[in-house]
Amino acid sequence: MEFSSKLLERAVNEMSQLPGIGKRTALRLVLHMLKQPKDQTLGLANALQNMRNDVKFCTSCHNISDVALCEICSNPNRLTDVICVVEDIRDVMAIENTSSFKGLYHVLGGKISPMDGVGPHDLNIESLVTKVAKGQVKELIFALSSTMEGDTTNFYIYKQIQQFNITTSTIARGISVGDELEYADEITLGRSIVNRIPFESSLKH
């Protein structure tokens, strides 16, 4: 692809690094921005810069936040002794949209995947085990995607906290095996949370 401007080429190259965006789509987006009022384009640039510089991770659940303790963890109306374990921020948003869960979350930041070089120590597992060890948790809900990596991660965490007297459950398999939570419709996801099953039962299938 030939460019008449190095500035345009650089913008297209940067845009094309986003997931699912190829060079042609990136070019269309960049040219669209050039046609918009300068204030609108600069507003987008400033929003991205401020997000990158100022966004924080909750010190308790590792969710993305503007302050040290996210709005969910600091909400006095949430159940503090029920924790839903998820892969990333998108899963928190998906479950929150169902309005079916009133506890707290713990964002792992990924799943155990030896093929991708991701081990237990690359995830936020240690801080979760620490919470359980302190007696702060009555129930742990595993809400990772129904994939081999998700099941491996669930089982690893289960073995780490098995010695403690807490309830462990997993979301009901209303979600197809291999599906990611963020793509599940709200009704199906909500029911899978409400109708969760003991984790031990999931090991028998």
C-alpha atoms as a PDB file:
ATOM      1  CA  MET A   1       0.000   0.000   0.000  1.00  0.00           C
ATOM      2  CA  GLU A   2       1.553   3.291  -1.140  1.00  0.00           C
ATOM      3  CA  PHE A   3       1.083   6.459   0.917  1.00  0.00           C
ATOM      4  CA  SER A   4       1.511  10.053  -0.181  1.00  0.00           C
ATOM      5  CA  SER A   5       2.197  11.092   3.409  1.00  0.00           C
ATOM      6  CA  LYS A   6       4.510   9.550   5.986  1.00  0.00           C
ATOM      7  CA  LEU A   7       2.257  10.935   8.743  1.00  0.00           C
ATOM      8  CA  LEU A   8      -0.725   9.170   7.212  1.00  0.00           C
ATOM      9  CA  GLU A   9       1.276   5.961   6.835  1.00  0.00           C
ATOM     10  CA  ARG A  10       2.343   6.013  10.479  1.00  0.00           C
ATOM     11  CA  ALA A  11      -1.234   6.608  11.656  1.00  0.00           C
ATOM     12  CA  VAL A  12      -2.488   3.707   9.521  1.00  0.00           C
ATOM     13  CA  ASN A  13       0.279   1.413  10.762  1.00  0.00           C
ATOM     14  CA  GLU A  14      -0.534   2.220  14.390  1.00  0.00           C
ATOM     15  CA  MET A  15      -4.285   1.767  13.850  1.00  0.00           C
ATOM     16  CA  SER A  16      -3.788  -1.567  12.089  1.00  0.00           C
ATOM     17  CA  GLN A  17      -2.190  -3.019  15.235  1.00  0.00           C
ATOM     18  CA  LEU A  18      -5.602  -3.072  16.930  1.00  0.00           C
ATOM     19  CA  PRO A  19      -7.315  -6.498  17.058  1.00  0.00           C
ATOM     20  CA  GLY A  20      -9.388  -7.288  13.988  1.00  0.00           C
ATOM     21  CA  ILE A  21      -8.293  -4.222  12.040  1.00  0.00           C
ATOM     22  CA  GLY A  22      -6.316  -4.695   8.834  1.00  0.00           C
ATOM     23  CA  LYS A  23      -4.522  -2.052   6.786  1.00  0.00           C
ATOM     24  CA  ARG A  24      -7.536  -1.235   4.605  1.00  0.00           C
ATOM     25  CA  THR A  25      -9.871  -0.795   7.570  1.00  0.00           C
ATOM     26  CA  ALA A  26      -7.205   1.248   9.356  1.00  0.00           C
ATOM     27  CA  LEU A  27      -6.866   3.511   6.328  1.00  0.00           C
ATOM     28  CA  ARG A  28     -10.640   4.021   6.169  1.00  0.00           C
ATOM     29  CA  LEU A  29     -10.738   4.929   9.887  1.00  0.00           C
ATOM     30  CA  VAL A  30      -7.808   7.326   9.642  1.00  0.00           C
ATOM     31  CA  LEU A  31      -9.253   9.081   6.589  1.00  0.00           C
ATOM     32  CA  HIS A  32     -12.578   9.355   8.427  1.00  0.00           C
ATOM     33  CA  MET A  33     -10.801  11.088  11.319  1.00  0.00           C
ATOM     34  CA  LEU A  34      -9.170  13.536   8.910  1.00  0.00           C
ATOM     35  CA  LYS A  35     -12.613  14.575   7.696  1.00  0.00           C
ATOM     36  CA  GLN A  36     -13.906  15.237  11.204  1.00  0.00           C
ATOM     37  CA  PRO A  37     -13.458  18.541  13.065  1.00  0.00           C
ATOM     38  CA  LYS A  38      -9.991  18.738  14.598  1.00  0.00           C
ATOM     39  CA  ASP A  39     -11.450  19.038  18.128  1.00  0.00           C
ATOM     40  CA  GLN A  40     -13.201  15.694  17.746  1.00  0.00           C
ATOM     41  CA  THR A  41     -10.048  13.875  16.659  1.00  0.00           C
ATOM     42  CA  LEU A  42      -7.975  15.554  19.370  1.00  0.00           C
ATOM     43  CA  GLY A  43     -10.652  14.614  21.920  1.00  0.00           C
ATOM     44  CA  LEU A  44     -10.221  10.950  20.980  1.00  0.00           C
ATOM     45  CA  ALA A  45      -6.435  11.240  21.172  1.00  0.00           C
ATOM     46  CA  ASN A  46      -6.622  12.914  24.591  1.00  0.00           C
ATOM     47  CA  ALA A  47      -9.062  10.324  25.914  1.00  0.00           C
ATOM     48  CA  LEU A  48      -6.735   7.496  24.885  1.00  0.00           C
ATOM     49  CA  GLN A  49      -3.680   9.274  26.317  1.00  0.00           C
ATOM     50  CA  ASN A  50      -5.403  10.017  29.640  1.00  0.00           C
ATOM     51  CA  MET A  51      -6.653   6.429  29.892  1.00  0.00           C
ATOM     52  CA  ARG A  52      -3.174   5.042  29.260  1.00  0.00           C
ATOM     53  CA  ASN A  53      -1.502   7.394  31.728  1.00  0.00           C
ATOM     54  CA  ASP A  54      -4.060   7.495  34.529  1.00  0.00           C
ATOM     55  CA  VAL A  55      -5.977   4.204  34.565  1.00  0.00           C
ATOM     56  CA  LYS A  56      -5.393   2.052  37.650  1.00  0.00           C
ATOM     57  CA  PHE A  57      -6.000  -1.525  38.713  1.00  0.00           C
ATOM     58  CA  CYS A  58      -8.067  -2.101  41.833  1.00  0.00           C
ATOM     59  CA  THR A  59      -5.826  -3.091  44.730  1.00  0.00           C
ATOM     60  CA  SER A  60      -8.355  -5.697  45.834  1.00  0.00           C
ATOM     61  CA  CYS A  61      -9.847  -7.352  42.738  1.00  0.00           C
ATOM     62  CA  HIS A  62      -7.485  -6.151  39.941  1.00  0.00           C
ATOM     63  CA  ASN A  63     -10.386  -4.667  37.977  1.00  0.00           C
ATOM     64  CA  ILE A  64      -9.687  -1.535  35.927  1.00  0.00           C
ATOM     65  CA  SER A  65     -10.492   1.581  37.938  1.00  0.00           C
ATOM     66  CA  ASP A  66      -9.960   5.332  38.183  1.00  0.00           C
ATOM     67  CA  VAL A  67      -9.065   5.056  41.887  1.00  0.00           C
ATOM     68  CA  ALA A  68      -7.192   2.600  44.119  1.00  0.00           C
ATOM     69  CA  LEU A  69     -10.346   0.678  45.109  1.00  0.00           C
ATOM     70  CA  CYS A  70     -12.858   0.162  42.298  1.00  0.00           C
ATOM     71  CA  GLU A  71     -16.534   1.140  42.570  1.00  0.00           C
ATOM     72  CA  ILE A  72     -17.648  -2.471  42.951  1.00  0.00           C
ATOM     73  CA  CYS A  73     -15.268  -3.290  45.809  1.00  0.00           C
ATOM     74  CA  SER A  74     -16.090  -0.024  47.602  1.00  0.00           C
ATOM     75  CA  ASN A  75     -19.860  -0.469  47.246  1.00  0.00           C
ATOM     76  CA  PRO A  76     -21.251  -1.221  50.752  1.00  0.00           C
ATOM     77  CA  ASN A  77     -24.243  -3.034  49.231  1.00  0.00           C
ATOM     78  CA  ARG A  78     -22.147  -5.806  47.659  1.00  0.00           C
ATOM     79  CA  LEU A  79     -21.679  -9.214  49.313  1.00  0.00           C
ATOM     80  CA  THR A  80     -18.046  -9.185  50.368  1.00  0.00           C
ATOM     81  CA  ASP A  81     -17.805 -12.902  51.142  1.00  0.00           C
ATOM     82  CA  VAL A  82     -18.861 -14.150  47.678  1.00  0.00           C
ATOM     83  CA  ILE A  83     -16.235 -13.777  44.959  1.00  0.00           C
ATOM     84  CA  CYS A  84     -16.663 -14.459  41.253  1.00  0.00           C
ATOM     85  CA  VAL A  85     -13.382 -15.399  39.572  1.00  0.00           C
ATOM     86  CA  VAL A  86     -13.117 -14.120  35.990  1.00  0.00           C
ATOM     87  CA  GLU A  87     -10.469 -13.876  33.316  1.00  0.00           C
ATOM     88  CA  ASP A  88     -10.533 -10.140  32.551  1.00  0.00           C
ATOM     89  CA  ILE A  89     -12.417  -6.838  32.711  1.00  0.00           C
ATOM     90  CA  ARG A  90     -14.704  -7.782  29.808  1.00  0.00           C
ATOM     91  CA  ASP A  91     -16.118 -10.651  31.874  1.00  0.00           C
ATOM     92  CA  VAL A  92     -16.831  -8.309  34.805  1.00  0.00           C
ATOM     93  CA  MET A  93     -18.741  -6.015  32.458  1.00  0.00           C
ATOM     94  CA  ALA A  94     -20.664  -8.929  30.930  1.00  0.00           C
ATOM     95  CA  ILE A  95     -21.753 -10.306  34.318  1.00  0.00           C
ATOM     96  CA  GLU A  96     -22.600  -6.849  35.701  1.00  0.00           C
ATOM     97  CA  ASN A  97     -24.905  -6.273  32.728  1.00  0.00           C
ATOM     98  CA  THR A  98     -27.008  -9.243  33.861  1.00  0.00           C
ATOM     99  CA  SER A  99     -27.750  -7.645  37.274  1.00  0.00           C
ATOM    100  CA  SER A 100     -27.774 -11.228  38.634  1.00  0.00           C
ATOM    101  CA  PHE A 101     -24.657 -11.102  40.808  1.00  0.00           C
ATOM    102  CA  LYS A 102     -24.282  -9.006  43.952  1.00  0.00           C
ATOM    103  CA  GLY A 103     -20.899 -10.203  45.218  1.00  0.00           C
ATOM    104  CA  LEU A 104     -17.358  -9.111  44.391  1.00  0.00           C
ATOM    105  CA  TYR A 105     -14.980 -10.145  41.623  1.00  0.00           C
ATOM    106  CA  HIS A 106     -11.407 -11.286  41.255  1.00  0.00           C
ATOM    107  CA  VAL A 107      -9.817 -10.629  37.864  1.00  0.00           C
ATOM    108  CA  LEU A 108      -7.071 -13.144  37.057  1.00  0.00           C
ATOM    109  CA  GLY A 109      -5.728 -11.295  34.042  1.00  0.00           C
ATOM    110  CA  GLY A 110      -5.782 -14.394  31.818  1.00  0.00           C
ATOM    111  CA  LYS A 111      -5.867 -18.184  31.921  1.00  0.00           C
ATOM    112  CA  ILE A 112      -3.174 -20.799  32.456  1.00  0.00           C
ATOM    113  CA  SER A 113      -1.934 -21.717  28.988  1.00  0.00           C
ATOM    114  CA  PRO A 114       1.435 -23.522  28.722  1.00  0.00           C
ATOM    115  CA  MET A 115       1.242 -23.302  24.925  1.00  0.00           C
ATOM    116  CA  ASP A 116       1.241 -19.495  25.216  1.00  0.00           C
ATOM    117  CA  GLY A 117       3.815 -19.444  28.007  1.00  0.00           C
ATOM    118  CA  VAL A 118       1.275 -18.374  30.646  1.00  0.00           C
ATOM    119  CA  GLY A 119       1.719 -20.086  34.006  1.00  0.00           C
ATOM    120  CA  PRO A 120      -0.007 -19.693  37.395  1.00  0.00           C
ATOM    121  CA  HIS A 121       2.539 -17.120  38.554  1.00  0.00           C
ATOM    122  CA  ASP A 122       1.712 -14.879  35.575  1.00  0.00           C
ATOM    123  CA  LEU A 123      -1.853 -14.479  36.874  1.00  0.00           C
ATOM    124  CA  ASN A 124      -3.450 -12.858  39.938  1.00  0.00           C
ATOM    125  CA  ILE A 125      -3.889 -16.177  41.726  1.00  0.00           C
ATOM    126  CA  GLU A 126      -1.697 -15.657  44.793  1.00  0.00           C
ATOM    127  CA  SER A 127      -3.720 -12.646  45.986  1.00  0.00           C
ATOM    128  CA  LEU A 128      -6.925 -14.688  45.599  1.00  0.00           C
ATOM    129  CA  VAL A 129      -5.534 -17.543  47.703  1.00  0.00           C
ATOM    130  CA  THR A 130      -4.478 -14.972  50.311  1.00  0.00           C
ATOM    131  CA  LYS A 131      -8.046 -13.645  50.547  1.00  0.00           C
ATOM    132  CA  VAL A 132      -9.383 -17.161  51.059  1.00  0.00           C
ATOM    133  CA  ALA A 133      -6.685 -17.990  53.625  1.00  0.00           C
ATOM    134  CA  LYS A 134      -7.666 -14.929  55.670  1.00  0.00           C
ATOM    135  CA  GLY A 135     -11.194 -16.275  56.033  1.00  0.00           C
ATOM    136  CA  GLN A 136     -12.736 -13.409  54.051  1.00  0.00           C
ATOM    137  CA  VAL A 137     -14.516 -15.686  51.571  1.00  0.00           C
ATOM    138  CA  LYS A 138     -17.496 -18.047  52.009  1.00  0.00           C
ATOM    139  CA  GLU A 139     -18.012 -18.912  48.349  1.00  0.00           C
ATOM    140  CA  LEU A 140     -15.784 -18.822  45.291  1.00  0.00           C
ATOM    141  CA  ILE A 141     -17.554 -18.905  41.914  1.00  0.00           C
ATOM    142  CA  PHE A 142     -15.466 -19.977  38.936  1.00  0.00           C
ATOM    143  CA  ALA A 143     -16.689 -18.037  35.885  1.00  0.00           C
ATOM    144  CA  LEU A 144     -13.959 -18.677  33.348  1.00  0.00           C
ATOM    145  CA  SER A 145     -14.772 -19.658  29.772  1.00  0.00           C
ATOM    146  CA  SER A 146     -15.541 -23.310  29.044  1.00  0.00           C
ATOM    147  CA  THR A 147     -12.229 -24.065  27.377  1.00  0.00           C
ATOM    148  CA  MET A 148      -9.379 -26.412  28.250  1.00  0.00           C
ATOM    149  CA  GLU A 149      -7.376 -23.431  29.526  1.00  0.00           C
ATOM    150  CA  GLY A 150     -10.317 -22.215  31.589  1.00  0.00           C
ATOM    151  CA  ASP A 151     -10.909 -25.636  33.118  1.00  0.00           C
ATOM    152  CA  THR A 152      -7.187 -26.022  33.863  1.00  0.00           C
ATOM    153  CA  THR A 153      -7.144 -22.657  35.638  1.00  0.00           C
ATOM    154  CA  ASN A 154     -10.271 -23.498  37.637  1.00  0.00           C
ATOM    155  CA  PHE A 155      -8.796 -26.801  38.780  1.00  0.00           C
ATOM    156  CA  TYR A 156      -5.439 -25.238  39.712  1.00  0.00           C
ATOM    157  CA  ILE A 157      -7.123 -22.621  41.907  1.00  0.00           C
ATOM    158  CA  TYR A 158      -9.427 -25.271  43.395  1.00  0.00           C
ATOM    159  CA  LYS A 159      -6.414 -27.329  44.486  1.00  0.00           C
ATOM    160  CA  GLN A 160      -4.796 -24.242  46.037  1.00  0.00           C
ATOM    161  CA  ILE A 161      -7.811 -23.413  48.222  1.00  0.00           C
ATOM    162  CA  GLN A 162      -9.142 -26.953  48.816  1.00  0.00           C
ATOM    163  CA  GLN A 163      -7.771 -27.017  52.372  1.00  0.00           C
ATOM    164  CA  PHE A 164      -9.957 -24.075  53.399  1.00  0.00           C
ATOM    165  CA  ASN A 165     -13.568 -24.455  54.487  1.00  0.00           C
ATOM    166  CA  ILE A 166     -15.340 -22.557  51.703  1.00  0.00           C
ATOM    167  CA  THR A 167     -17.934 -23.370  49.035  1.00  0.00           C
ATOM    168  CA  THR A 168     -16.649 -23.591  45.466  1.00  0.00           C
ATOM    169  CA  SER A 169     -19.033 -23.467  42.537  1.00  0.00           C
ATOM    170  CA  THR A 170     -18.925 -22.953  38.793  1.00  0.00           C
ATOM    171  CA  ILE A 171     -21.351 -21.266  36.437  1.00  0.00           C
ATOM    172  CA  ALA A 172     -23.903 -23.620  34.894  1.00  0.00           C
ATOM    173  CA  ARG A 173     -23.021 -24.887  31.436  1.00  0.00           C
ATOM    174  CA  GLY A 174     -25.771 -22.959  29.717  1.00  0.00           C
ATOM    175  CA  ILE A 175     -22.872 -21.414  27.840  1.00  0.00           C
ATOM    176  CA  SER A 176     -21.497 -23.584  25.054  1.00  0.00           C
ATOM    177  CA  VAL A 177     -18.133 -25.243  25.571  1.00  0.00           C
ATOM    178  CA  GLY A 178     -15.428 -23.039  24.068  1.00  0.00           C
ATOM    179  CA  ASP A 179     -17.488 -19.834  24.288  1.00  0.00           C
ATOM    180  CA  GLU A 180     -16.149 -16.680  25.913  1.00  0.00           C
ATOM    181  CA  LEU A 181     -18.361 -15.009  28.547  1.00  0.00           C
ATOM    182  CA  GLU A 182     -18.342 -11.629  26.834  1.00  0.00           C
ATOM    183  CA  TYR A 183     -20.216 -13.068  23.829  1.00  0.00           C
ATOM    184  CA  ALA A 184     -22.960 -14.775  25.851  1.00  0.00           C
ATOM    185  CA  ASP A 185     -26.363 -13.102  25.901  1.00  0.00           C
ATOM    186  CA  GLU A 186     -27.339 -11.507  29.199  1.00  0.00           C
ATOM    187  CA  ILE A 187     -30.225 -13.894  29.968  1.00  0.00           C
ATOM    188  CA  THR A 188     -28.117 -17.027  29.438  1.00  0.00           C
ATOM    189  CA  LEU A 189     -25.194 -15.603  31.402  1.00  0.00           C
ATOM    190  CA  GLY A 190     -27.464 -14.420  34.211  1.00  0.00           C
ATOM    191  CA  ARG A 191     -29.067 -17.846  34.537  1.00  0.00           C
ATOM    192  CA  SER A 192     -25.673 -19.544  34.520  1.00  0.00           C
ATOM    193  CA  ILE A 193     -24.654 -17.437  37.529  1.00  0.00           C
ATOM    194  CA  VAL A 194     -27.906 -17.973  39.441  1.00  0.00           C
ATOM    195  CA  ASN A 195     -27.994 -21.716  38.672  1.00  0.00           C
ATOM    196  CA  ARG A 196     -24.336 -22.333  39.449  1.00  0.00           C
ATOM    197  CA  ILE A 197     -23.341 -25.831  40.545  1.00  0.00           C
ATOM    198  CA  PRO A 198     -20.794 -27.151  43.065  1.00  0.00           C
ATOM    199  CA  PHE A 199     -17.344 -27.225  41.454  1.00  0.00           C
ATOM    200  CA  GLU A 200     -16.806 -30.806  42.591  1.00  0.00           C
ATOM    201  CA  SER A 201     -19.803 -31.857  40.475  1.00  0.00           C
ATOM    202  CA  SER A 202     -18.240 -30.341  37.362  1.00  0.00           C
ATOM    203  CA  LEU A 203     -15.184 -32.553  37.793  1.00  0.00           C
ATOM    204  CA  LYS A 204     -17.322 -35.670  37.265  1.00  0.00           C
ATOM    205  CA  HIS A 205     -18.388 -34.692  33.748  1.00  0.00           C
END
